[in-house]
Amino acid sequence: FKINFREALLKVKVSKEGVQITNDSDIALTVMIYDKPYEV
């Protein structure tokens, strides 16, 4: 199936911290790298 890594990572971050992260450098870097669907 296809998974969007950006969405998955943001959802995990929100779940763990209970708030939306908008300016996190690690997330931003990961979003740049995985900003497209991947086959799993």
C-alpha atoms as a PDB file:
ATOM      1  CA  PHE A   1       0.000   0.000   0.000  1.00  0.00           C
ATOM      2  CA  LYS A   2       1.034   3.626  -0.340  1.00  0.00           C
ATOM      3  CA  ILE A   3       1.905   5.743   2.699  1.00  0.00           C
ATOM      4  CA  ASN A   4       2.671   9.436   2.915  1.00  0.00           C
ATOM      5  CA  PHE A   5       5.677   9.704   5.239  1.00  0.00           C
ATOM      6  CA  ARG A   6       5.078  13.409   5.884  1.00  0.00           C
ATOM      7  CA  GLU A   7       1.536  12.767   7.108  1.00  0.00           C
ATOM      8  CA  ALA A   8       2.562   9.713   9.129  1.00  0.00           C
ATOM      9  CA  LEU A   9       5.420  11.514  10.881  1.00  0.00           C
ATOM     10  CA  LEU A  10       3.303  14.568  11.659  1.00  0.00           C
ATOM     11  CA  LYS A  11       0.526  12.365  13.052  1.00  0.00           C
ATOM     12  CA  VAL A  12       3.006  10.486  15.267  1.00  0.00           C
ATOM     13  CA  LYS A  13       4.480  13.763  16.514  1.00  0.00           C
ATOM     14  CA  VAL A  14       1.027  15.122  17.286  1.00  0.00           C
ATOM     15  CA  SER A  15       0.043  11.898  19.062  1.00  0.00           C
ATOM     16  CA  LYS A  16       3.136  11.837  21.272  1.00  0.00           C
ATOM     17  CA  GLU A  17       3.108  15.513  22.275  1.00  0.00           C
ATOM     18  CA  GLY A  18      -0.617  16.239  22.042  1.00  0.00           C
ATOM     19  CA  VAL A  19       0.063  19.415  20.054  1.00  0.00           C
ATOM     20  CA  GLN A  20       0.806  20.242  16.447  1.00  0.00           C
ATOM     21  CA  ILE A  21       4.463  20.864  15.667  1.00  0.00           C
ATOM     22  CA  THR A  22       4.839  23.617  13.064  1.00  0.00           C
ATOM     23  CA  ASN A  23       8.474  24.690  13.470  1.00  0.00           C
ATOM     24  CA  ASP A  24      10.475  21.579  14.363  1.00  0.00           C
ATOM     25  CA  SER A  25      13.777  21.357  12.491  1.00  0.00           C
ATOM     26  CA  ASP A  26      13.885  17.524  12.533  1.00  0.00           C
ATOM     27  CA  ILE A  27      10.331  17.298  11.189  1.00  0.00           C
ATOM     28  CA  ALA A  28      11.040  19.978   8.587  1.00  0.00           C
ATOM     29  CA  LEU A  29      14.108  18.100   7.342  1.00  0.00           C
ATOM     30  CA  THR A  30      12.204  14.823   7.240  1.00  0.00           C
ATOM     31  CA  VAL A  31       9.330  16.489   5.393  1.00  0.00           C
ATOM     32  CA  MET A  32      11.742  17.747   2.751  1.00  0.00           C
ATOM     33  CA  ILE A  33      13.183  14.257   2.308  1.00  0.00           C
ATOM     34  CA  TYR A  34       9.909  12.292   2.338  1.00  0.00           C
ATOM     35  CA  ASP A  35       7.554  14.831   0.768  1.00  0.00           C
ATOM     36  CA  LYS A  36       5.940  12.256  -1.558  1.00  0.00           C
ATOM     37  CA  PRO A  37       4.178   8.862  -1.368  1.00  0.00           C
ATOM     38  CA  TYR A  38       6.324   5.753  -1.133  1.00  0.00           C
ATOM     39  CA  GLU A  39       5.516   2.147  -1.864  1.00  0.00           C
ATOM     40  CA  VAL A  40       5.778  -0.053   1.205  1.00  0.00           C
END
